[in-house]
Amino acid sequence: VQLVESGGGLVQPGGSLRLSCAAAGFTFSTSDMSWYRQAPGKGREFVARINSAGAITTYAQSVKGRFTISRDNALNTVFLQMNSLKPEDTAVYFCFNSVRNIWGQGTRVTVSS
């Protein structure tokens, strides 16, 4: 049972990145999935959540209108499209499954000029 994130990197302010989280070892298609992030020196915070069918999404106020969570149940993968990135979006981003209480290892996003 595991979650593996990818897609992080260094991007300039105003740029975009697309994160992916590949799931294995559980029934992904029936699981709600979430993204969280942890900035340097801060606690982990909620970013976005998507229900199992992909029809219902929820966002933190700080990313609403800039980030989009989506999923492909055929690929067992959840995505986070991040646009109009700001320096305050710099963090390690984690995907999370609450039913299994599983965290991925995280992928680092740095927004800097």
C-alpha atoms as a PDB file:
ATOM      1  CA  VAL A   1       0.000   0.000   0.000  1.00  0.00           C
ATOM      2  CA  GLN A   2       1.673   3.206  -1.110  1.00  0.00           C
ATOM      3  CA  LEU A   3       1.371   6.677  -2.582  1.00  0.00           C
ATOM      4  CA  VAL A   4       4.171   8.111  -4.724  1.00  0.00           C
ATOM      5  CA  GLU A   5       4.221  11.811  -5.620  1.00  0.00           C
ATOM      6  CA  SER A   6       6.110  13.367  -8.504  1.00  0.00           C
ATOM      7  CA  GLY A   7       6.243  16.581 -10.511  1.00  0.00           C
ATOM      8  CA  GLY A   8       7.748  19.012  -8.045  1.00  0.00           C
ATOM      9  CA  GLY A   9      10.575  21.386  -8.884  1.00  0.00           C
ATOM     10  CA  LEU A  10      11.732  24.973  -9.090  1.00  0.00           C
ATOM     11  CA  VAL A  11       9.435  27.451 -10.831  1.00  0.00           C
ATOM     12  CA  GLN A  12       9.315  31.222 -11.129  1.00  0.00           C
ATOM     13  CA  PRO A  13       6.476  33.220  -9.566  1.00  0.00           C
ATOM     14  CA  GLY A  14       3.474  33.147 -11.875  1.00  0.00           C
ATOM     15  CA  GLY A  15       4.480  29.804 -13.301  1.00  0.00           C
ATOM     16  CA  SER A  16       2.745  26.426 -13.263  1.00  0.00           C
ATOM     17  CA  LEU A  17       3.444  22.881 -12.158  1.00  0.00           C
ATOM     18  CA  ARG A  18       1.433  19.678 -12.270  1.00  0.00           C
ATOM     19  CA  LEU A  19       1.900  17.222  -9.441  1.00  0.00           C
ATOM     20  CA  SER A  20       0.964  13.556  -9.704  1.00  0.00           C
ATOM     21  CA  CYS A  21       0.330  10.954  -7.023  1.00  0.00           C
ATOM     22  CA  ALA A  22       0.283   7.309  -8.067  1.00  0.00           C
ATOM     23  CA  ALA A  23      -1.517   4.906  -5.748  1.00  0.00           C
ATOM     24  CA  ALA A  24      -0.998   1.183  -5.323  1.00  0.00           C
ATOM     25  CA  GLY A  25      -2.210  -1.559  -3.034  1.00  0.00           C
ATOM     26  CA  PHE A  26      -5.755  -0.415  -2.343  1.00  0.00           C
ATOM     27  CA  THR A  27      -8.987   0.261  -4.229  1.00  0.00           C
ATOM     28  CA  PHE A  28      -8.195   3.743  -5.475  1.00  0.00           C
ATOM     29  CA  SER A  29     -11.456   4.246  -7.352  1.00  0.00           C
ATOM     30  CA  THR A  30     -13.524   4.138  -4.150  1.00  0.00           C
ATOM     31  CA  SER A  31     -11.234   6.412  -2.132  1.00  0.00           C
ATOM     32  CA  ASP A  32     -11.411  10.153  -1.603  1.00  0.00           C
ATOM     33  CA  MET A  33      -7.944  11.674  -1.992  1.00  0.00           C
ATOM     34  CA  SER A  34      -6.325  14.840  -0.678  1.00  0.00           C
ATOM     35  CA  TRP A  35      -3.267  17.010  -1.134  1.00  0.00           C
ATOM     36  CA  TYR A  36      -1.517  18.660   1.788  1.00  0.00           C
ATOM     37  CA  ARG A  37       1.619  20.779   1.986  1.00  0.00           C
ATOM     38  CA  GLN A  38       4.231  21.669   4.549  1.00  0.00           C
ATOM     39  CA  ALA A  39       6.224  24.858   4.196  1.00  0.00           C
ATOM     40  CA  PRO A  40       9.654  25.219   5.829  1.00  0.00           C
ATOM     41  CA  GLY A  41       9.253  25.657   9.588  1.00  0.00           C
ATOM     42  CA  LYS A  42       5.471  25.256   9.486  1.00  0.00           C
ATOM     43  CA  GLY A  43       2.926  22.539  10.084  1.00  0.00           C
ATOM     44  CA  ARG A  44       1.220  20.462   7.433  1.00  0.00           C
ATOM     45  CA  GLU A  45      -1.830  22.155   5.928  1.00  0.00           C
ATOM     46  CA  PHE A  46      -4.735  21.042   3.777  1.00  0.00           C
ATOM     47  CA  VAL A  47      -4.639  22.062   0.114  1.00  0.00           C
ATOM     48  CA  ALA A  48      -7.369  20.206  -1.772  1.00  0.00           C
ATOM     49  CA  ARG A  49      -9.598  17.138  -1.711  1.00  0.00           C
ATOM     50  CA  ILE A  50     -11.482  15.171  -4.350  1.00  0.00           C
ATOM     51  CA  ASN A  51     -14.145  12.541  -3.867  1.00  0.00           C
ATOM     52  CA  SER A  52     -13.864   9.050  -5.279  1.00  0.00           C
ATOM     53  CA  ALA A  53     -15.810   9.805  -8.466  1.00  0.00           C
ATOM     54  CA  GLY A  54     -14.012  13.068  -9.085  1.00  0.00           C
ATOM     55  CA  ALA A  55     -17.238  15.050  -8.976  1.00  0.00           C
ATOM     56  CA  ILE A  56     -16.752  16.965  -5.724  1.00  0.00           C
ATOM     57  CA  THR A  57     -13.679  19.049  -4.932  1.00  0.00           C
ATOM     58  CA  THR A  58     -12.730  21.216  -1.978  1.00  0.00           C
ATOM     59  CA  TYR A  59      -9.906  23.734  -1.739  1.00  0.00           C
ATOM     60  CA  ALA A  60      -8.103  25.761   0.868  1.00  0.00           C
ATOM     61  CA  GLN A  61      -8.925  29.435   0.520  1.00  0.00           C
ATOM     62  CA  SER A  62      -5.275  30.218  -0.167  1.00  0.00           C
ATOM     63  CA  VAL A  63      -5.240  28.161  -3.401  1.00  0.00           C
ATOM     64  CA  LYS A  64      -8.826  28.502  -4.606  1.00  0.00           C
ATOM     65  CA  GLY A  65      -8.949  29.671  -8.213  1.00  0.00           C
ATOM     66  CA  ARG A  66      -5.294  28.824  -8.824  1.00  0.00           C
ATOM     67  CA  PHE A  67      -5.050  25.086  -8.104  1.00  0.00           C
ATOM     68  CA  THR A  68      -7.141  22.275  -9.565  1.00  0.00           C
ATOM     69  CA  ILE A  69      -7.329  18.752  -8.182  1.00  0.00           C
ATOM     70  CA  SER A  70      -8.348  15.937 -10.506  1.00  0.00           C
ATOM     71  CA  ARG A  71      -8.017  12.181 -10.786  1.00  0.00           C
ATOM     72  CA  ASP A  72      -7.851   9.373 -13.292  1.00  0.00           C
ATOM     73  CA  ASN A  73      -9.212   6.209 -11.709  1.00  0.00           C
ATOM     74  CA  ALA A  74      -8.046   4.098 -14.646  1.00  0.00           C
ATOM     75  CA  LEU A  75      -4.479   5.158 -13.831  1.00  0.00           C
ATOM     76  CA  ASN A  76      -4.890   5.113 -10.035  1.00  0.00           C
ATOM     77  CA  THR A  77      -3.532   8.648 -10.023  1.00  0.00           C
ATOM     78  CA  VAL A  78      -4.556  11.976  -8.508  1.00  0.00           C
ATOM     79  CA  PHE A  79      -3.231  15.266  -9.879  1.00  0.00           C
ATOM     80  CA  LEU A  80      -2.754  18.803  -8.631  1.00  0.00           C
ATOM     81  CA  GLN A  81      -2.498  21.454 -11.336  1.00  0.00           C
ATOM     82  CA  MET A  82      -0.942  24.564  -9.811  1.00  0.00           C
ATOM     83  CA  ASN A  83      -1.126  27.835 -11.716  1.00  0.00           C
ATOM     84  CA  SER A  84      -0.152  31.412 -10.849  1.00  0.00           C
ATOM     85  CA  LEU A  85       2.298  30.108  -8.303  1.00  0.00           C
ATOM     86  CA  LYS A  86       3.490  32.409  -5.526  1.00  0.00           C
ATOM     87  CA  PRO A  87       6.580  32.247  -3.309  1.00  0.00           C
ATOM     88  CA  GLU A  88       4.285  31.360  -0.404  1.00  0.00           C
ATOM     89  CA  ASP A  89       3.325  28.150  -2.238  1.00  0.00           C
ATOM     90  CA  THR A  90       6.854  26.867  -1.589  1.00  0.00           C
ATOM     91  CA  ALA A  91       6.467  23.626   0.365  1.00  0.00           C
ATOM     92  CA  VAL A  92       6.702  19.877   0.253  1.00  0.00           C
ATOM     93  CA  TYR A  93       3.440  18.579  -1.186  1.00  0.00           C
ATOM     94  CA  PHE A  94       1.967  15.292   0.008  1.00  0.00           C
ATOM     95  CA  CYS A  95      -0.962  13.224  -1.124  1.00  0.00           C
ATOM     96  CA  PHE A  96      -3.066  11.499   1.507  1.00  0.00           C
ATOM     97  CA  ASN A  97      -5.703   8.815   1.780  1.00  0.00           C
ATOM     98  CA  SER A  98      -7.711   9.203   4.989  1.00  0.00           C
ATOM     99  CA  VAL A  99      -9.344   5.774   4.974  1.00  0.00           C
ATOM    100  CA  ARG A 100      -6.010   3.976   4.993  1.00  0.00           C
ATOM    101  CA  ASN A 101      -4.206   6.852   6.734  1.00  0.00           C
ATOM    102  CA  ILE A 102      -1.489   6.722   4.079  1.00  0.00           C
ATOM    103  CA  TRP A 103       0.896   9.555   3.237  1.00  0.00           C
ATOM    104  CA  GLY A 104       3.222   9.725   0.272  1.00  0.00           C
ATOM    105  CA  GLN A 105       6.864  10.689   0.661  1.00  0.00           C
ATOM    106  CA  GLY A 106       6.228  14.183  -0.701  1.00  0.00           C
ATOM    107  CA  THR A 107       7.485  16.221  -3.628  1.00  0.00           C
ATOM    108  CA  ARG A 108       9.195  19.574  -3.150  1.00  0.00           C
ATOM    109  CA  VAL A 109       7.901  22.710  -4.855  1.00  0.00           C
ATOM    110  CA  THR A 110      10.010  25.861  -4.785  1.00  0.00           C
ATOM    111  CA  VAL A 111       8.645  29.119  -6.176  1.00  0.00           C
ATOM    112  CA  SER A 112      11.425  31.641  -6.571  1.00  0.00           C
ATOM    113  CA  SER A 113      12.922  34.019  -9.089  1.00  0.00           C
END
